[in-house]
Amino acid sequence: MKLPAKVSVLLADDSRAMRALIKNNIVWPGTSFQFTEVDNGTDAVAAYRAKRFDLVLLDIHMPGLDGLRVLRSIRAYDPTALAFMISSDTSGDAAASARENGAMGFVTKPLSAGALCQIMTDLEAVRRAFSVLTVDDSRTGQALLKRGLDLLGIDSVVTGAENGRMAVEACGREYFDIVFLDVHMPDMTGIEALKVIKAQRRDTYAVMVTSDASMETVRDARSHGAEDYLLKPVQQPNLKKVWSRFRVMAPQSLGHAATIF
């Protein structure tokens, strides 16, 4: 698929000169690149957990955490992370280790314009599944939402949680594009979970699921950061509308289809 107009890049290399070389030589028609630069592995992991990037370029040899450990940490948090490893090590072992740890590719220094162009070509071929969290104390409710998404033909990885506390823990461990939160749950309500999730990651799209259609409930959810809501029992046309609004409002992410309809 065509690259989006803007691609966010996490660039991790302890050499300032190498970072400048990469920034000045990554070009692609119709696409601008927004770089976040770090010079060590610890900051790379922190940067990705603070903001999901479309592309990660990691030097293998960095102070503190090396690139492979960084890659493992990032992919443990976001299994769909798109990362390329960069190294002066031309041995086959280095490339094999990179791929075993989830790298999309491996390029060697000194970097050529052709190698950077190949990275962009590889990215255009990617289709990334949406990561979805469904939170409902009823497993039937979780299953119905997953079934609804499947019927829409959405390429998604769906994780279930049975209460608000589990949802908060899940969002602390992993990245989710969209979270469906039942409002009324034991232990921690959907609204209480929403507050914590939004404090952790404001860019996660939150949909409250409720049988209460009162404006007070809707306003309460909106005031705490919910982008949308669904009424129970969930009807397929309404789920389709919510998903369409999500695709319009959420940032266009690399590898995601612009629309499913």
Protein backbone atom coordinates (compact mmCIF):
# COMPACT_ATOMS: atom_id res chain seq x y z
CA MET A 1 0.00 0.00 0.00
CA LYS A 2 1.07 3.60 -0.50
CA LEU A 3 2.93 5.24 2.37
CA PRO A 4 0.91 7.86 4.28
CA ALA A 5 1.71 11.55 3.85
CA LYS A 6 3.53 11.62 7.19
CA VAL A 7 5.63 8.80 8.64
CA SER A 8 6.92 9.00 12.21
CA VAL A 9 10.38 7.52 12.68
CA LEU A 10 12.23 6.59 15.87
CA LEU A 11 15.93 6.81 15.01
CA ALA A 12 18.26 5.26 17.58
CA ASP A 13 22.01 5.50 17.00
CA ASP A 14 24.76 6.72 19.31
CA SER A 15 26.46 8.47 16.38
CA ARG A 16 25.09 11.94 15.68
CA ALA A 17 26.75 11.89 12.26
CA MET A 18 24.99 8.63 11.35
CA ARG A 19 21.63 9.98 12.48
CA ALA A 20 22.15 13.08 10.32
CA LEU A 21 23.13 10.93 7.35
CA ILE A 22 19.97 8.85 7.64
CA LYS A 23 17.69 11.86 8.12
CA ASN A 24 19.14 13.62 5.08
CA ASN A 25 18.88 10.61 2.80
CA ILE A 26 15.50 9.07 3.53
CA VAL A 27 13.19 10.42 0.85
CA TRP A 28 10.02 9.06 -0.71
CA PRO A 29 7.58 10.69 -3.14
CA GLY A 30 4.58 12.21 -1.39
CA THR A 31 5.84 11.39 2.11
CA SER A 32 7.44 13.54 4.79
CA PHE A 33 9.31 11.96 7.69
CA GLN A 34 9.07 13.14 11.29
CA PHE A 35 12.10 11.99 13.28
CA THR A 36 12.58 11.47 16.98
CA GLU A 37 16.27 10.91 17.71
CA VAL A 38 17.83 9.09 20.65
CA ASP A 39 21.45 8.08 21.24
CA ASN A 40 20.99 5.06 23.52
CA GLY A 41 18.81 2.00 23.96
CA THR A 42 17.15 2.99 27.22
CA ASP A 43 15.83 6.22 25.71
CA ALA A 44 14.67 4.32 22.61
CA VAL A 45 12.44 2.03 24.68
CA ALA A 46 11.08 4.97 26.68
CA ALA A 47 10.36 6.94 23.50
CA TYR A 48 8.39 4.10 21.93
CA ARG A 49 6.34 3.50 25.04
CA ALA A 50 5.50 7.21 25.12
CA LYS A 51 4.47 7.28 21.46
CA ARG A 52 3.96 4.60 18.85
CA PHE A 53 6.08 5.13 15.73
CA ASP A 54 5.43 4.03 12.17
CA LEU A 55 9.05 3.00 11.72
CA VAL A 56 11.96 2.22 14.05
CA LEU A 57 15.60 2.33 12.89
CA LEU A 58 17.89 0.77 15.49
CA ASP A 59 21.66 0.60 15.64
CA ILE A 60 22.66 -2.76 17.09
CA HIS A 61 25.65 -1.44 19.06
CA MET A 62 24.60 1.31 21.48
CA PRO A 63 25.52 2.15 25.07
CA GLY A 64 23.27 0.73 27.77
CA LEU A 65 20.74 -1.52 26.08
CA ASP A 66 21.96 -2.82 22.74
CA GLY A 67 19.71 -2.71 19.71
CA LEU A 68 18.54 -6.32 19.94
CA ARG A 69 17.43 -5.90 23.56
CA VAL A 70 15.66 -2.68 22.59
CA LEU A 71 13.91 -4.50 19.75
CA ARG A 72 12.73 -7.26 22.08
CA SER A 73 11.40 -4.71 24.57
CA ILE A 74 9.55 -2.72 21.91
CA ARG A 75 8.00 -5.79 20.31
CA ALA A 76 6.95 -7.16 23.70
CA TYR A 77 4.98 -3.93 24.11
CA ASP A 78 3.81 -3.68 20.49
CA PRO A 79 4.13 -6.94 18.51
CA THR A 80 3.29 -5.07 15.28
CA ALA A 81 6.20 -2.61 15.62
CA LEU A 82 8.04 -2.17 12.30
CA ALA A 83 11.79 -2.10 12.94
CA PHE A 84 14.97 -2.30 10.87
CA MET A 85 18.36 -2.99 12.42
CA ILE A 86 21.46 -1.07 11.37
CA SER A 87 24.97 -2.39 11.96
CA SER A 88 28.55 -2.33 10.76
CA ASP A 89 28.60 -6.10 11.42
CA THR A 90 28.32 -7.75 8.02
CA SER A 91 28.23 -11.31 9.35
CA GLY A 92 25.26 -13.48 8.61
CA ASP A 93 24.89 -14.14 12.35
CA ALA A 94 24.03 -10.49 13.07
CA ALA A 95 21.34 -10.42 10.39
CA ALA A 96 19.92 -13.74 11.59
CA SER A 97 19.74 -12.49 15.20
CA ALA A 98 17.92 -9.37 14.05
CA ARG A 99 15.28 -11.34 12.19
CA GLU A 100 14.89 -13.88 15.01
CA ASN A 101 14.07 -10.98 17.35
CA GLY A 102 11.41 -9.59 15.03
CA ALA A 103 13.24 -7.08 12.80
CA MET A 104 11.70 -6.51 9.38
CA GLY A 105 15.13 -6.09 7.86
CA PHE A 106 18.84 -5.60 8.42
CA VAL A 107 21.04 -3.02 6.69
CA THR A 108 24.79 -2.60 7.01
CA LYS A 109 26.95 0.49 7.44
CA PRO A 110 28.02 2.50 5.61
CA LEU A 111 24.43 3.05 4.51
CA SER A 112 23.73 3.55 0.84
CA ALA A 113 20.86 5.43 -0.75
CA GLY A 114 19.80 2.11 -2.27
CA ALA A 115 19.53 0.46 1.16
CA LEU A 116 17.36 3.28 2.52
CA CYS A 117 15.19 3.13 -0.60
CA GLN A 118 14.73 -0.61 -0.05
CA ILE A 119 13.48 0.05 3.48
CA MET A 120 10.76 2.33 2.07
CA THR A 121 9.87 -0.26 -0.57
CA ASP A 122 9.52 -2.95 2.11
CA LEU A 123 7.29 -0.69 4.19
CA GLU A 124 4.90 -0.15 1.31
CA ALA A 125 4.30 -3.90 1.22
CA VAL A 126 3.27 -4.07 4.87
CA ARG A 127 -0.27 -4.55 6.09
CA ARG A 128 -0.49 -4.16 9.84
CA ALA A 129 -3.36 -5.65 11.85
CA PHE A 130 -5.29 -3.43 14.23
CA SER A 131 -4.79 -4.21 17.92
CA VAL A 132 -8.13 -4.21 19.75
CA LEU A 133 -8.97 -4.61 23.46
CA THR A 134 -12.53 -5.58 24.40
CA VAL A 135 -13.38 -5.10 28.08
CA ASP A 136 -16.56 -6.66 29.45
CA ASP A 137 -17.28 -8.74 32.55
CA SER A 138 -19.37 -10.95 30.25
CA ARG A 139 -17.36 -13.21 27.97
CA THR A 140 -20.40 -13.32 25.73
CA GLY A 141 -20.14 -9.55 25.36
CA GLN A 142 -16.47 -9.85 24.42
CA ALA A 143 -17.24 -12.61 21.91
CA LEU A 144 -20.03 -10.61 20.28
CA LEU A 145 -17.76 -7.62 19.72
CA LYS A 146 -15.05 -9.81 18.24
CA ARG A 147 -17.62 -11.48 16.00
CA GLY A 148 -18.86 -8.07 14.88
CA LEU A 149 -15.36 -6.94 13.94
CA ASP A 150 -14.79 -10.19 12.04
CA LEU A 151 -18.01 -9.63 10.09
CA LEU A 152 -16.75 -6.18 9.06
CA GLY A 153 -13.73 -7.87 7.50
CA ILE A 154 -11.28 -6.04 9.74
CA ASP A 155 -7.76 -7.45 10.02
CA SER A 156 -7.41 -7.27 13.79
CA VAL A 157 -5.83 -8.95 16.79
CA VAL A 158 -8.45 -8.91 19.56
CA THR A 159 -7.58 -9.27 23.25
CA GLY A 160 -10.23 -9.67 25.93
CA ALA A 161 -10.33 -8.40 29.53
CA GLU A 162 -13.00 -9.14 32.13
CA ASN A 163 -12.81 -6.00 34.26
CA GLY A 164 -11.40 -2.49 34.38
CA ARG A 165 -8.33 -3.44 36.40
CA MET A 166 -7.36 -6.09 33.85
CA ALA A 167 -7.86 -3.52 31.09
CA VAL A 168 -5.52 -1.05 32.78
CA GLU A 169 -2.90 -3.77 33.23
CA ALA A 170 -3.24 -4.85 29.59
CA CYS A 171 -2.80 -1.27 28.34
CA GLY A 172 0.29 -0.93 30.51
CA ARG A 173 1.83 -4.02 28.92
CA GLU A 174 0.78 -3.59 25.29
CA TYR A 175 -0.26 -0.99 22.75
CA PHE A 176 -3.88 -1.01 21.55
CA ASP A 177 -5.24 1.05 18.66
CA ILE A 178 -8.76 0.96 20.08
CA VAL A 179 -10.36 -0.11 23.36
CA PHE A 180 -14.03 -1.03 23.83
CA LEU A 181 -14.92 -0.52 27.52
CA ASP A 182 -18.11 -1.70 29.16
CA VAL A 183 -19.29 1.07 31.51
CA HIS A 184 -20.73 -1.13 34.27
CA MET A 185 -18.20 -3.63 35.63
CA PRO A 186 -17.32 -4.88 39.11
CA ASP A 187 -14.10 -3.89 40.90
CA MET A 188 -13.29 -0.97 38.56
CA THR A 189 -15.89 0.62 36.30
CA GLY A 190 -15.30 1.43 32.67
CA ILE A 191 -15.11 5.16 33.42
CA GLU A 192 -12.52 4.57 36.17
CA ALA A 193 -10.46 2.40 33.81
CA LEU A 194 -10.81 5.01 31.07
CA LYS A 195 -9.24 7.70 33.27
CA VAL A 196 -6.16 5.56 33.94
CA ILE A 197 -5.80 4.35 30.34
CA LYS A 198 -6.01 7.89 28.97
CA ALA A 199 -3.43 9.05 31.50
CA GLN A 200 -1.08 6.34 30.20
CA ARG A 201 -1.77 6.78 26.48
CA ARG A 202 -3.92 9.64 25.24
CA ASP A 203 -3.76 8.39 21.64
CA THR A 204 -5.60 5.12 22.37
CA TYR A 205 -9.09 5.43 20.88
CA ALA A 206 -11.69 4.62 23.55
CA VAL A 207 -15.26 3.50 22.92
CA MET A 208 -17.62 3.12 25.89
CA VAL A 209 -20.15 0.29 25.62
CA THR A 210 -23.32 0.73 27.66
CA SER A 211 -27.03 0.01 27.87
CA ASP A 212 -27.52 3.49 29.37
CA ALA A 213 -28.39 5.94 26.60
CA SER A 214 -28.76 8.95 28.91
CA MET A 215 -26.95 12.15 27.96
CA GLU A 216 -25.43 12.24 31.46
CA THR A 217 -23.61 8.94 30.84
CA VAL A 218 -22.43 10.07 27.41
CA ARG A 219 -21.19 13.42 28.76
CA ASP A 220 -19.39 11.67 31.63
CA ALA A 221 -17.58 9.37 29.19
CA ARG A 222 -16.68 12.22 26.84
CA SER A 223 -15.40 14.39 29.69
CA HIS A 224 -12.91 11.68 30.67
CA GLY A 225 -11.55 11.19 27.17
CA ALA A 226 -13.83 8.67 25.43
CA GLU A 227 -14.01 9.28 21.69
CA ASP A 228 -17.22 7.33 21.06
CA TYR A 229 -19.85 5.05 22.58
CA LEU A 230 -21.91 2.01 21.59
CA LEU A 231 -25.32 1.06 22.95
CA LYS A 232 -26.04 -2.48 24.12
CA PRO A 233 -27.11 -4.75 22.66
CA VAL A 234 -24.50 -3.90 20.03
CA GLN A 235 -25.99 -3.74 16.55
CA GLN A 236 -23.78 -4.39 13.53
CA PRO A 237 -24.69 -1.13 11.70
CA ASN A 238 -23.77 0.87 14.82
CA LEU A 239 -20.45 -0.97 15.22
CA LYS A 240 -19.71 -0.21 11.58
CA LYS A 241 -20.39 3.50 12.14
CA VAL A 242 -18.14 3.58 15.22
CA TRP A 243 -15.33 1.87 13.31
CA SER A 244 -15.71 4.31 10.43
CA ARG A 245 -15.43 7.26 12.82
CA PHE A 246 -12.37 5.68 14.42
CA ARG A 247 -10.67 5.39 11.03
CA VAL A 248 -11.41 9.05 10.27
CA MET A 249 -10.34 10.44 13.65
CA ALA A 250 -7.43 8.18 14.53
CA PRO A 251 -4.00 9.00 13.08
CA GLN A 252 -3.28 7.18 9.82
CA SER A 253 -0.83 4.49 10.84
CA LEU A 254 1.65 2.87 8.50
CA GLY A 255 0.41 -0.45 7.16
CA HIS A 256 -3.25 0.12 8.06
CA ALA A 257 -5.76 0.25 5.27
CA ALA A 258 -7.31 3.73 5.00
CA THR A 259 -10.80 2.25 4.93
CA ILE A 260 -12.52 -1.12 5.02
CA PHE A 261 -15.70 -0.09 3.27
